[in-house]
C-alpha atoms as a PDB file:
ATOM      1  CA  MET A   1      -1.469 -22.635 -23.623  1.00  0.00           C
ATOM      2  CA  LYS A   2       1.150 -19.835 -23.336  1.00  0.00           C
ATOM      3  CA  ARG A   3      -0.307 -16.542 -23.715  1.00  0.00           C
ATOM      4  CA  LYS A   4       0.935 -14.199 -26.502  1.00  0.00           C
ATOM      5  CA  LYS A   5       3.308 -11.507 -25.279  1.00  0.00           C
ATOM      6  CA  LEU A   6       1.850  -8.134 -25.757  1.00  0.00           C
ATOM      7  CA  THR A   7       3.732  -5.225 -27.055  1.00  0.00           C
ATOM      8  CA  ILE A   8       4.196  -1.993 -25.311  1.00  0.00           C
ATOM      9  CA  GLU A   9       1.725  -0.430 -27.639  1.00  0.00           C
ATOM     10  CA  GLU A  10      -0.846  -3.073 -26.825  1.00  0.00           C
ATOM     11  CA  LEU A  11      -0.252  -2.828 -23.141  1.00  0.00           C
ATOM     12  CA  ILE A  12      -0.711   1.006 -23.366  1.00  0.00           C
ATOM     13  CA  ALA A  13      -3.918   0.796 -25.260  1.00  0.00           C
ATOM     14  CA  GLY A  14      -5.493  -1.928 -23.109  1.00  0.00           C
ATOM     15  CA  VAL A  15      -4.889  -0.108 -19.883  1.00  0.00           C
ATOM     16  CA  LEU A  16      -6.127   3.171 -21.242  1.00  0.00           C
ATOM     17  CA  VAL A  17      -9.530   1.500 -22.301  1.00  0.00           C
ATOM     18  CA  GLY A  18      -9.680  -0.154 -18.935  1.00  0.00           C
ATOM     19  CA  ASP A  19      -9.214  -3.860 -19.904  1.00  0.00           C
ATOM     20  CA  ARG A  20      -8.688  -5.868 -16.854  1.00  0.00           C
ATOM     21  CA  LEU A  21      -6.741  -8.591 -18.265  1.00  0.00           C
ATOM     22  CA  VAL A  22      -4.152  -6.242 -19.857  1.00  0.00           C
ATOM     23  CA  LEU A  23      -4.201  -4.118 -16.590  1.00  0.00           C
ATOM     24  CA  SER A  24      -3.201  -7.285 -14.749  1.00  0.00           C
ATOM     25  CA  ARG A  25      -0.417  -8.142 -17.216  1.00  0.00           C
ATOM     26  CA  ALA A  26       0.817  -4.667 -17.150  1.00  0.00           C
ATOM     27  CA  ILE A  27       1.144  -4.680 -13.427  1.00  0.00           C
ATOM     28  CA  THR A  28       3.002  -8.194 -13.653  1.00  0.00           C
ATOM     29  CA  LEU A  29       5.373  -6.573 -16.146  1.00  0.00           C
ATOM     30  CA  CYS A  30       6.137  -3.679 -13.644  1.00  0.00           C
ATOM     31  CA  GLU A  31       6.784  -6.264 -10.919  1.00  0.00           C
ATOM     32  CA  SER A  32       9.285  -8.172 -12.963  1.00  0.00           C
ATOM     33  CA  GLN A  33      12.973  -8.120 -12.046  1.00  0.00           C
ATOM     34  CA  LYS A  34      14.026  -9.029 -15.739  1.00  0.00           C
ATOM     35  CA  ALA A  35      16.366  -6.342 -17.280  1.00  0.00           C
ATOM     36  CA  GLU A  36      14.134  -6.184 -20.524  1.00  0.00           C
ATOM     37  CA  ASP A  37      10.944  -5.910 -18.571  1.00  0.00           C
ATOM     38  CA  ILE A  38      12.280  -3.140 -16.411  1.00  0.00           C
ATOM     39  CA  ILE A  39      13.143  -1.153 -19.592  1.00  0.00           C
ATOM     40  CA  ALA A  40       9.581  -2.129 -20.930  1.00  0.00           C
ATOM     41  CA  SER A  41       7.879  -0.875 -17.769  1.00  0.00           C
ATOM     42  CA  GLU A  42       9.553   2.243 -17.874  1.00  0.00           C
ATOM     43  CA  LYS A  43       8.243   2.994 -21.222  1.00  0.00           C
ATOM     44  CA  LEU A  44       4.838   1.968 -20.178  1.00  0.00           C
ATOM     45  CA  LEU A  45       4.704   4.133 -17.093  1.00  0.00           C
ATOM     46  CA  LYS A  46       5.915   7.130 -19.068  1.00  0.00           C
ATOM     47  CA  ALA A  47       3.180   6.705 -21.622  1.00  0.00           C
ATOM     48  CA  ILE A  48       0.385   6.374 -19.099  1.00  0.00           C
ATOM     49  CA  LEU A  49       1.473   9.119 -16.714  1.00  0.00           C
ATOM     50  CA  PRO A  50      -0.571  11.945 -18.225  1.00  0.00           C
ATOM     51  CA  LYS A  51      -3.607   9.892 -17.405  1.00  0.00           C
ATOM     52  CA  THR A  52      -2.960   9.463 -13.846  1.00  0.00           C
ATOM     53  CA  GLY A  53      -3.515  11.487 -10.611  1.00  0.00           C
ATOM     54  CA  ASN A  54      -7.287  11.642 -10.782  1.00  0.00           C
ATOM     55  CA  SER A  55      -8.146   8.890  -8.321  1.00  0.00           C
ATOM     56  CA  MET A  56      -8.650   9.087  -4.490  1.00  0.00           C
ATOM     57  CA  ARG A  57      -5.988   6.922  -2.905  1.00  0.00           C
ATOM     58  CA  ILE A  58      -6.959   5.307   0.389  1.00  0.00           C
ATOM     59  CA  GLY A  59      -4.633   3.228   2.648  1.00  0.00           C
ATOM     60  CA  ILE A  60      -6.203   0.714   4.903  1.00  0.00           C
ATOM     61  CA  THR A  61      -4.198  -1.166   7.626  1.00  0.00           C
ATOM     62  CA  GLY A  62      -5.139  -2.670  10.885  1.00  0.00           C
ATOM     63  CA  VAL A  63      -4.340  -5.079  13.591  1.00  0.00           C
ATOM     64  CA  PRO A  64      -4.412  -8.968  12.812  1.00  0.00           C
ATOM     65  CA  GLY A  65      -8.148 -10.221  12.977  1.00  0.00           C
ATOM     66  CA  VAL A  66      -9.624  -6.784  12.649  1.00  0.00           C
ATOM     67  CA  GLY A  67     -11.483  -7.843   9.481  1.00  0.00           C
ATOM     68  CA  LYS A  68      -9.812  -5.767   6.690  1.00  0.00           C
ATOM     69  CA  SER A  69     -10.949  -8.064   4.014  1.00  0.00           C
ATOM     70  CA  THR A  70     -14.588  -7.893   5.182  1.00  0.00           C
ATOM     71  CA  PHE A  71     -14.384  -4.256   5.584  1.00  0.00           C
ATOM     72  CA  ILE A  72     -12.935  -3.690   2.161  1.00  0.00           C
ATOM     73  CA  GLU A  73     -15.499  -5.895   0.628  1.00  0.00           C
ATOM     74  CA  SER A  74     -18.472  -4.271   2.247  1.00  0.00           C
ATOM     75  CA  PHE A  75     -17.147  -0.685   1.920  1.00  0.00           C
ATOM     76  CA  GLY A  76     -16.134  -1.169  -1.642  1.00  0.00           C
ATOM     77  CA  THR A  77     -19.404  -2.712  -2.497  1.00  0.00           C
ATOM     78  CA  LEU A  78     -20.986   0.694  -1.051  1.00  0.00           C
ATOM     79  CA  LEU A  79     -18.809   2.566  -3.249  1.00  0.00           C
ATOM     80  CA  THR A  80     -19.490   0.732  -6.443  1.00  0.00           C
ATOM     81  CA  THR A  81     -23.229   1.030  -5.772  1.00  0.00           C
ATOM     82  CA  GLN A  82     -22.736   4.743  -5.984  1.00  0.00           C
ATOM     83  CA  GLY A  83     -21.261   4.374  -9.560  1.00  0.00           C
ATOM     84  CA  LYS A  84     -17.522   4.640  -8.521  1.00  0.00           C
ATOM     85  CA  LYS A  85     -14.988   2.279 -10.181  1.00  0.00           C
ATOM     86  CA  LEU A  86     -12.732   0.758  -7.416  1.00  0.00           C
ATOM     87  CA  ALA A  87      -9.344  -0.875  -7.611  1.00  0.00           C
ATOM     88  CA  VAL A  88      -8.133  -2.868  -4.545  1.00  0.00           C
ATOM     89  CA  LEU A  89      -4.376  -3.504  -4.371  1.00  0.00           C
ATOM     90  CA  THR A  90      -3.794  -5.935  -1.645  1.00  0.00           C
ATOM     91  CA  VAL A  91      -0.359  -7.058  -0.401  1.00  0.00           C
ATOM     92  CA  ASP A  92       0.136 -10.689   1.036  1.00  0.00           C
ATOM     93  CA  PRO A  93       3.187 -11.345   3.249  1.00  0.00           C
ATOM     94  CA  SER A  94       5.833 -13.381   1.634  1.00  0.00           C
ATOM     95  CA  SER A  95       7.642 -16.142   3.514  1.00  0.00           C
ATOM     96  CA  GLN A  96      11.110 -15.149   4.491  1.00  0.00           C
ATOM     97  CA  LYS A  97      12.125 -18.814   4.042  1.00  0.00           C
ATOM     98  CA  THR A  98      10.492 -19.712   0.764  1.00  0.00           C
ATOM     99  CA  LYS A  99       9.677 -16.102  -0.561  1.00  0.00           C
ATOM    100  CA  GLY A 100       6.311 -17.514  -1.747  1.00  0.00           C
ATOM    101  CA  SER A 101       2.960 -15.944  -0.933  1.00  0.00           C
ATOM    102  CA  ILE A 102      -0.526 -17.265  -0.829  1.00  0.00           C
ATOM    103  CA  LEU A 103      -2.162 -14.452  -2.837  1.00  0.00           C
ATOM    104  CA  GLY A 104      -5.716 -15.284  -1.604  1.00  0.00           C
ATOM    105  CA  ASP A 105      -7.331 -11.926  -1.260  1.00  0.00           C
ATOM    106  CA  LYS A 106      -9.809 -12.748  -4.189  1.00  0.00           C
ATOM    107  CA  THR A 107     -11.131 -15.757  -2.205  1.00  0.00           C
ATOM    108  CA  ARG A 108     -11.647 -13.555   0.868  1.00  0.00           C
ATOM    109  CA  MET A 109     -13.639 -10.860  -1.134  1.00  0.00           C
ATOM    110  CA  GLU A 110     -15.794 -13.047  -3.193  1.00  0.00           C
ATOM    111  CA  GLU A 111     -18.635 -10.684  -3.845  1.00  0.00           C
ATOM    112  CA  LEU A 112     -16.251  -7.789  -4.698  1.00  0.00           C
ATOM    113  CA  ALA A 113     -14.179 -10.067  -7.005  1.00  0.00           C
ATOM    114  CA  ARG A 114     -17.297 -10.596  -9.108  1.00  0.00           C
ATOM    115  CA  ASN A 115     -18.429  -6.853  -9.215  1.00  0.00           C
ATOM    116  CA  PRO A 116     -17.804  -5.499 -12.680  1.00  0.00           C
ATOM    117  CA  MET A 117     -17.084  -2.033 -11.095  1.00  0.00           C
ATOM    118  CA  ALA A 118     -14.269  -3.428  -9.062  1.00  0.00           C
ATOM    119  CA  PHE A 119     -10.676  -4.772  -9.802  1.00  0.00           C
ATOM    120  CA  ILE A 120      -8.723  -6.766  -7.113  1.00  0.00           C
ATOM    121  CA  ARG A 121      -4.994  -7.379  -7.582  1.00  0.00           C
ATOM    122  CA  PRO A 122      -3.007  -9.246  -4.995  1.00  0.00           C
ATOM    123  CA  SER A 123       0.798  -8.783  -4.794  1.00  0.00           C
ATOM    124  CA  ALA A 124       3.425 -10.449  -2.709  1.00  0.00           C
ATOM    125  CA  SER A 125       5.309  -8.124  -0.314  1.00  0.00           C
ATOM    126  CA  GLY A 126       8.626  -9.864  -1.142  1.00  0.00           C
ATOM    127  CA  SER A 127      11.431  -8.207   0.726  1.00  0.00           C
ATOM    128  CA  ALA A 128       9.780  -4.671   0.709  1.00  0.00           C
ATOM    129  CA  LEU A 129       9.021  -3.075   4.108  1.00  0.00           C
ATOM    130  CA  GLY A 130       6.301  -0.690   4.877  1.00  0.00           C
ATOM    131  CA  GLY A 131       3.455  -3.285   4.428  1.00  0.00           C
ATOM    132  CA  VAL A 132       3.337  -2.779   0.698  1.00  0.00           C
ATOM    133  CA  SER A 133       4.957  -4.419  -2.518  1.00  0.00           C
ATOM    134  CA  SER A 134       8.009  -2.676  -3.969  1.00  0.00           C
ATOM    135  CA  LYS A 135       5.886  -1.949  -7.023  1.00  0.00           C
ATOM    136  CA  THR A 136       2.561  -0.835  -5.349  1.00  0.00           C
ATOM    137  CA  ARG A 137       3.028   2.742  -6.509  1.00  0.00           C
ATOM    138  CA  GLU A 138       3.459   1.577 -10.254  1.00  0.00           C
ATOM    139  CA  ALA A 139       0.315  -0.615  -9.836  1.00  0.00           C
ATOM    140  CA  MET A 140      -1.614   2.315  -8.452  1.00  0.00           C
ATOM    141  CA  LEU A 141      -0.720   4.505 -11.363  1.00  0.00           C
ATOM    142  CA  LEU A 142      -1.756   1.884 -13.979  1.00  0.00           C
ATOM    143  CA  CYS A 143      -5.096   1.577 -12.282  1.00  0.00           C
ATOM    144  CA  GLU A 144      -5.629   5.305 -12.307  1.00  0.00           C
ATOM    145  CA  ALA A 145      -4.703   5.285 -16.073  1.00  0.00           C
ATOM    146  CA  ALA A 146      -7.346   2.572 -16.388  1.00  0.00           C
ATOM    147  CA  GLY A 147      -9.874   4.999 -15.062  1.00  0.00           C
ATOM    148  CA  PHE A 148     -10.578   3.715 -11.546  1.00  0.00           C
ATOM    149  CA  ASP A 149     -12.130   6.616  -9.226  1.00  0.00           C
ATOM    150  CA  ILE A 150     -10.870   5.177  -6.016  1.00  0.00           C
ATOM    151  CA  ILE A 151      -7.834   3.091  -5.068  1.00  0.00           C
ATOM    152  CA  PHE A 152      -7.583   0.995  -1.881  1.00  0.00           C
ATOM    153  CA  ILE A 153      -4.321  -0.093  -0.818  1.00  0.00           C
ATOM    154  CA  GLU A 154      -4.448  -2.790   1.930  1.00  0.00           C
ATOM    155  CA  THR A 155      -1.306  -3.497   3.878  1.00  0.00           C
ATOM    156  CA  VAL A 156      -0.136  -6.804   5.240  1.00  0.00           C
ATOM    157  CA  GLY A 157      -0.959  -5.541   8.787  1.00  0.00           C
ATOM    158  CA  VAL A 158       0.103  -3.038  11.438  1.00  0.00           C
ATOM    159  CA  GLY A 159       3.516  -2.625  12.910  1.00  0.00           C
ATOM    160  CA  GLN A 160       6.725  -0.702  13.382  1.00  0.00           C
ATOM    161  CA  SER A 161       7.750  -0.913   9.630  1.00  0.00           C
ATOM    162  CA  GLU A 162       3.988  -0.878   8.113  1.00  0.00           C
ATOM    163  CA  THR A 163       4.268   2.983   7.491  1.00  0.00           C
ATOM    164  CA  LEU A 164       5.326   3.310   3.735  1.00  0.00           C
ATOM    165  CA  VAL A 165       1.739   3.256   2.623  1.00  0.00           C
ATOM    166  CA  HIS A 166       1.122   6.549   4.370  1.00  0.00           C
ATOM    167  CA  GLY A 167       3.554   8.138   1.873  1.00  0.00           C
ATOM    168  CA  MET A 168       1.620   7.019  -1.181  1.00  0.00           C
ATOM    169  CA  VAL A 169      -2.099   7.747  -0.299  1.00  0.00           C
ATOM    170  CA  ASP A 170      -4.426  10.669   0.179  1.00  0.00           C
ATOM    171  CA  PHE A 171      -6.109   9.065   3.228  1.00  0.00           C
ATOM    172  CA  PHE A 172      -4.721   6.766   5.844  1.00  0.00           C
ATOM    173  CA  LEU A 173      -7.316   4.636   7.706  1.00  0.00           C
ATOM    174  CA  LEU A 174      -6.468   2.442  10.753  1.00  0.00           C
ATOM    175  CA  LEU A 175      -8.916  -0.273  11.575  1.00  0.00           C
ATOM    176  CA  MET A 176      -8.872  -1.341  15.217  1.00  0.00           C
ATOM    177  CA  LEU A 177     -10.848  -3.771  17.599  1.00  0.00           C
ATOM    178  CA  ALA A 178     -12.692  -3.254  20.839  1.00  0.00           C
ATOM    179  CA  GLY A 179     -13.012  -5.752  23.721  1.00  0.00           C
ATOM    180  CA  ALA A 180      -9.522  -7.108  23.339  1.00  0.00           C
ATOM    181  CA  GLY A 181      -7.886  -5.972  26.431  1.00  0.00           C
ATOM    182  CA  ASP A 182      -6.320  -2.429  26.919  1.00  0.00           C
ATOM    183  CA  GLU A 183      -7.295  -0.564  23.843  1.00  0.00           C
ATOM    184  CA  LEU A 184      -4.000   1.324  23.640  1.00  0.00           C
ATOM    185  CA  GLN A 185      -1.756  -1.464  24.624  1.00  0.00           C
ATOM    186  CA  GLY A 186       0.839  -2.344  21.979  1.00  0.00           C
ATOM    187  CA  ILE A 187      -0.377   0.237  19.682  1.00  0.00           C
ATOM    188  CA  LYS A 188       2.483   1.838  17.854  1.00  0.00           C
ATOM    189  CA  LYS A 189       2.586   5.679  18.380  1.00  0.00           C
ATOM    190  CA  GLY A 190       3.980   6.331  15.010  1.00  0.00           C
ATOM    191  CA  ILE A 191       1.202   4.695  13.180  1.00  0.00           C
ATOM    192  CA  MET A 192      -1.504   6.232  15.210  1.00  0.00           C
ATOM    193  CA  GLU A 193       0.039   9.804  14.586  1.00  0.00           C
ATOM    194  CA  MET A 194      -0.190   9.146  10.881  1.00  0.00           C
ATOM    195  CA  ALA A 195      -3.790   7.913  10.808  1.00  0.00           C
ATOM    196  CA  ASP A 196      -6.318  10.228   9.407  1.00  0.00           C
ATOM    197  CA  ALA A 197      -8.960   8.091  10.947  1.00  0.00           C
ATOM    198  CA  VAL A 198      -9.307   5.290  13.516  1.00  0.00           C
ATOM    199  CA  VAL A 199     -12.147   2.969  12.643  1.00  0.00           C
ATOM    200  CA  ILE A 200     -13.223   0.622  15.244  1.00  0.00           C
ATOM    201  CA  ASN A 201     -14.718  -2.619  13.376  1.00  0.00           C
ATOM    202  CA  LYS A 202     -17.185  -5.235  14.579  1.00  0.00           C
ATOM    203  CA  ALA A 203     -19.146  -2.586  16.484  1.00  0.00           C
ATOM    204  CA  ASP A 204     -22.224  -4.677  16.561  1.00  0.00           C
ATOM    205  CA  GLY A 205     -24.354  -6.788  19.009  1.00  0.00           C
ATOM    206  CA  GLU A 206     -22.887  -7.141  22.527  1.00  0.00           C
ATOM    207  CA  ASN A 207     -19.713  -5.540  21.271  1.00  0.00           C
ATOM    208  CA  GLN A 208     -21.385  -2.237  20.706  1.00  0.00           C
ATOM    209  CA  LYS A 209     -20.711  -0.821  24.180  1.00  0.00           C
ATOM    210  CA  ALA A 210     -17.086  -1.913  24.070  1.00  0.00           C
ATOM    211  CA  ALA A 211     -16.620  -0.055  20.830  1.00  0.00           C
ATOM    212  CA  ASN A 212     -18.131   3.075  22.096  1.00  0.00           C
ATOM    213  CA  ARG A 213     -15.777   2.934  25.108  1.00  0.00           C
ATOM    214  CA  ALA A 214     -12.899   2.402  22.668  1.00  0.00           C
ATOM    215  CA  LYS A 215     -13.982   5.203  20.624  1.00  0.00           C
ATOM    216  CA  ALA A 216     -13.793   7.597  23.593  1.00  0.00           C
ATOM    217  CA  GLU A 217     -10.443   6.224  24.549  1.00  0.00           C
ATOM    218  CA  TYR A 218      -8.878   6.814  21.038  1.00  0.00           C
ATOM    219  CA  GLN A 219     -10.390  10.195  20.715  1.00  0.00           C
ATOM    220  CA  SER A 220      -8.559  11.043  24.106  1.00  0.00           C
ATOM    221  CA  ALA A 221      -5.279   9.574  22.900  1.00  0.00           C
ATOM    222  CA  LEU A 222      -5.397  11.318  19.628  1.00  0.00           C
ATOM    223  CA  HIS A 223      -5.842  14.698  21.105  1.00  0.00           C
ATOM    224  CA  LEU A 224      -2.501  14.272  22.862  1.00  0.00           C
ATOM    225  CA  PHE A 225      -0.776  14.140  19.452  1.00  0.00           C
ATOM    226  CA  PRO A 226       0.311  17.483  17.907  1.00  0.00           C
ATOM    227  CA  ILE A 227      -2.070  18.868  15.119  1.00  0.00           C
ATOM    228  CA  ASP A 228      -0.957  17.525  11.684  1.00  0.00           C
ATOM    229  CA  GLU A 229       0.589  20.060   9.256  1.00  0.00           C
ATOM    230  CA  SER A 230      -2.550  19.507   6.998  1.00  0.00           C
ATOM    231  CA  GLY A 231      -4.694  20.989   9.725  1.00  0.00           C
ATOM    232  CA  TRP A 232      -6.849  17.829   9.696  1.00  0.00           C
ATOM    233  CA  LEU A 233      -7.989  16.532  13.137  1.00  0.00           C
ATOM    234  CA  PRO A 234      -7.969  12.803  13.098  1.00  0.00           C
ATOM    235  CA  GLN A 235     -11.531  11.363  13.463  1.00  0.00           C
ATOM    236  CA  VAL A 236     -12.626   8.135  15.346  1.00  0.00           C
ATOM    237  CA  LYS A 237     -15.717   6.209  13.843  1.00  0.00           C
ATOM    238  CA  THR A 238     -17.158   2.831  14.661  1.00  0.00           C
ATOM    239  CA  CYS A 239     -18.611   0.334  12.269  1.00  0.00           C
ATOM    240  CA  SER A 240     -19.831  -3.107  11.467  1.00  0.00           C
ATOM    241  CA  ALA A 241     -18.583  -4.203   8.081  1.00  0.00           C
ATOM    242  CA  LEU A 242     -20.497  -7.522   8.570  1.00  0.00           C
ATOM    243  CA  GLU A 243     -23.755  -5.681   9.235  1.00  0.00           C
ATOM    244  CA  ASN A 244     -22.908  -2.780   7.008  1.00  0.00           C
ATOM    245  CA  ILE A 245     -23.240  -0.237   9.851  1.00  0.00           C
ATOM    246  CA  GLY A 246     -21.523   3.029   9.876  1.00  0.00           C
ATOM    247  CA  LEU A 247     -19.963   2.754   6.394  1.00  0.00           C
ATOM    248  CA  ASP A 248     -21.697   5.859   4.876  1.00  0.00           C
ATOM    249  CA  GLU A 249     -20.504   7.918   7.769  1.00  0.00           C
ATOM    250  CA  ILE A 250     -16.915   6.748   7.041  1.00  0.00           C
ATOM    251  CA  TRP A 251     -17.322   7.703   3.259  1.00  0.00           C
ATOM    252  CA  GLU A 252     -18.792  11.133   4.145  1.00  0.00           C
ATOM    253  CA  MET A 253     -15.784  11.704   6.553  1.00  0.00           C
ATOM    254  CA  ILE A 254     -13.190  10.704   3.642  1.00  0.00           C
ATOM    255  CA  VAL A 255     -14.974  13.170   1.169  1.00  0.00           C
ATOM    256  CA  LYS A 256     -14.912  15.829   3.717  1.00  0.00           C
ATOM    257  CA  HIS A 257     -11.084  15.415   4.259  1.00  0.00           C
ATOM    258  CA  GLN A 258     -10.537  15.346   0.697  1.00  0.00           C
ATOM    259  CA  ILE A 259     -12.629  18.800   0.212  1.00  0.00           C
ATOM    260  CA  SER A 260     -10.688  20.359   3.279  1.00  0.00           C
ATOM    261  CA  MET A 261      -7.368  19.161   1.828  1.00  0.00           C
ATOM    262  CA  GLN A 262      -8.020  20.521  -1.792  1.00  0.00           C
ATOM    263  CA  THR A 263      -9.201  23.712  -0.267  1.00  0.00           C
ATOM    264  CA  ASN A 264      -6.035  24.537   1.860  1.00  0.00           C
ATOM    265  CA  GLY A 265      -3.714  23.254  -0.889  1.00  0.00           C
ATOM    266  CA  PHE A 266      -2.314  20.430   1.132  1.00  0.00           C
ATOM    267  CA  TRP A 267      -3.559  17.678  -1.340  1.00  0.00           C
ATOM    268  CA  THR A 268      -1.493  19.060  -4.147  1.00  0.00           C
ATOM    269  CA  GLU A 269       1.547  19.486  -1.983  1.00  0.00           C
ATOM    270  CA  ASN A 270       1.319  16.081  -0.327  1.00  0.00           C
ATOM    271  CA  ARG A 271       1.055  14.432  -4.031  1.00  0.00           C
ATOM    272  CA  LYS A 272       4.252  16.420  -4.887  1.00  0.00           C
ATOM    273  CA  ARG A 273       5.980  15.194  -1.772  1.00  0.00           C
ATOM    274  CA  GLN A 274       4.885  11.660  -2.617  1.00  0.00           C
ATOM    275  CA  GLN A 275       6.434  11.892  -6.109  1.00  0.00           C
ATOM    276  CA  VAL A 276       9.777  12.929  -4.664  1.00  0.00           C
ATOM    277  CA  ASP A 277       9.593  10.102  -2.125  1.00  0.00           C
ATOM    278  CA  TRP A 278       8.939   7.617  -4.904  1.00  0.00           C
ATOM    279  CA  PHE A 279      11.984   9.004  -6.734  1.00  0.00           C
ATOM    280  CA  LYS A 280      14.157   8.534  -3.773  1.00  0.00           C
ATOM    281  CA  GLU A 281      12.958   4.821  -3.269  1.00  0.00           C
ATOM    282  CA  SER A 282      13.610   4.192  -6.893  1.00  0.00           C
ATOM    283  CA  VAL A 283      17.051   5.289  -6.672  1.00  0.00           C
ATOM    284  CA  ASN A 284      17.900   3.281  -3.551  1.00  0.00           C
ATOM    285  CA  GLU A 285      16.121   0.185  -5.321  1.00  0.00           C
ATOM    286  CA  MET A 286      18.085   0.534  -8.554  1.00  0.00           C
ATOM    287  CA  LEU A 287      21.361   1.063  -6.827  1.00  0.00           C
ATOM    288  CA  GLY A 288      20.855  -2.107  -4.652  1.00  0.00           C
ATOM    289  CA  GLN A 289      20.126  -3.956  -7.717  1.00  0.00           C
ATOM    290  CA  ALA A 290      23.061  -2.493  -9.642  1.00  0.00           C
ATOM    291  CA  PHE A 291      25.416  -3.280  -6.728  1.00  0.00           C
ATOM    292  CA  TYR A 292      24.367  -6.949  -6.274  1.00  0.00           C
ATOM    293  CA  HIS A 293      24.425  -7.693 -10.114  1.00  0.00           C
ATOM    294  CA  ASP A 294      27.846  -6.088 -10.490  1.00  0.00           C
ATOM    295  CA  ALA A 295      30.340  -8.752 -11.671  1.00  0.00           C
ATOM    296  CA  LYS A 296      33.261  -7.535  -9.325  1.00  0.00           C
ATOM    297  CA  ILE A 297      30.913  -7.619  -6.302  1.00  0.00           C
ATOM    298  CA  ALA A 298      29.491 -10.865  -7.148  1.00  0.00           C
ATOM    299  CA  LYS A 299      33.027 -12.424  -7.344  1.00  0.00           C
ATOM    300  CA  VAL A 300      34.207 -11.456  -3.814  1.00  0.00           C
ATOM    301  CA  LEU A 301      30.762 -11.160  -1.996  1.00  0.00           C
ATOM    302  CA  PRO A 302      30.746 -14.747  -0.663  1.00  0.00           C
ATOM    303  CA  THR A 303      34.333 -14.533   0.839  1.00  0.00           C
ATOM    304  CA  ILE A 304      33.141 -11.214   2.511  1.00  0.00           C
ATOM    305  CA  LEU A 305      30.016 -12.715   3.942  1.00  0.00           C
ATOM    306  CA  LYS A 306      31.936 -15.480   5.591  1.00  0.00           C
ATOM    307  CA  GLN A 307      34.428 -12.903   7.076  1.00  0.00           C
ATOM    308  CA  VAL A 308      31.285 -10.939   8.361  1.00  0.00           C
ATOM    309  CA  GLU A 309      29.753 -14.048   9.779  1.00  0.00           C
ATOM    310  CA  SER A 310      32.813 -15.291  11.610  1.00  0.00           C
ATOM    311  CA  GLY A 311      33.408 -11.702  13.143  1.00  0.00           C
ATOM    312  CA  GLU A 312      36.789 -11.500  11.296  1.00  0.00           C
ATOM    313  CA  LEU A 313      35.505  -8.250   9.493  1.00  0.00           C
ATOM    314  CA  PRO A 314      33.091  -5.669  10.923  1.00  0.00           C
ATOM    315  CA  ALA A 315      29.934  -5.234   8.832  1.00  0.00           C
ATOM    316  CA  MET A 316      30.520  -1.585   8.395  1.00  0.00           C
ATOM    317  CA  SER A 317      34.090  -1.969   7.247  1.00  0.00           C
ATOM    318  CA  ALA A 318      32.880  -4.858   4.742  1.00  0.00           C
ATOM    319  CA  ALA A 319      30.036  -2.525   3.447  1.00  0.00           C
ATOM    320  CA  TYR A 320      32.280   0.381   3.011  1.00  0.00           C
ATOM    321  CA  ASN A 321      35.065  -1.588   1.075  1.00  0.00           C
ATOM    322  CA  LEU A 322      32.679  -3.091  -1.250  1.00  0.00           C
ATOM    323  CA  ILE A 323      30.968   0.076  -2.052  1.00  0.00           C
ATOM    324  CA  GLN A 324      34.343   1.654  -2.837  1.00  0.00           C
ATOM    325  CA  LYS A 325      35.166  -1.322  -4.994  1.00  0.00           C
ATOM    326  CA  PHE A 326      31.766  -0.885  -6.739  1.00  0.00           C
ATOM    327  CA  LEU A 327      32.344   2.686  -7.274  1.00  0.00           C
ATOM    328  CA  ASP A 328      35.912   2.162  -8.639  1.00  0.00           C
ATOM    329  CA  LYS A 329      34.992   1.799 -12.198  1.00  0.00           C
END
């Protein structure tokens, strides 16, 4: 049976009282590309904005096979036992062929999915870079308005372009593995420089010694990077999400970081900077949508693309000419 479409007023009211079903539908509205939904989502976000900004935003990324889902479930369960409401925004990679996504994060975090203190919302990455969905920020604000104390943002993985999440969180946590060869081989310097902490997971059993060696190597490597403008020195920790070892220490580190950043004023300045980044990204996204939906552009675009494909027209020239055509109203 088709669900009744909620009004903006009903969505606002439902989000502000923490109704999980309404919250999920509000996020879906913000993810929609329909013109009427974009207008409605703008009204929704403007209404709930005064209730946002009070949560701790934590970005979590890591190499494939590092156990991000297990870590999030174990760490999230720990926080909920302390009375904290947790929202987990996970991003599944979209197929570049079909544009589809499995969205199976709830099945990978079964215990947390049943936890009344937690809310898990998977989204497809679509064509967005940075390891996040193009509407992750909007989903985060909606969760804050719904009263969640902590928000995890799990990226699709770690790589050259998976850094956008750093620009929307307060703490950026990089999960790594030990015992998988050269610990620093293939690690992108950029993402290492942005990490507030490197956590070596699966530090249990026979892997404990390898994890300790990796910890020493990462500590040495991080000392080679310049000190961050926040004044925070990145920490290296070991843990076993499966055995629930070391998770308390990780949380203590994150709280210590929050206190330090709030004391020196960087917390507020960082949030302000993130707002400006969001504005710039929104402008770029909206301009792109307006460009490709413009009737004049849509009419000539197929021909231009064929000329670019054949090498008849340089890509830069094609782009310049089309933009001039778009601007000539």
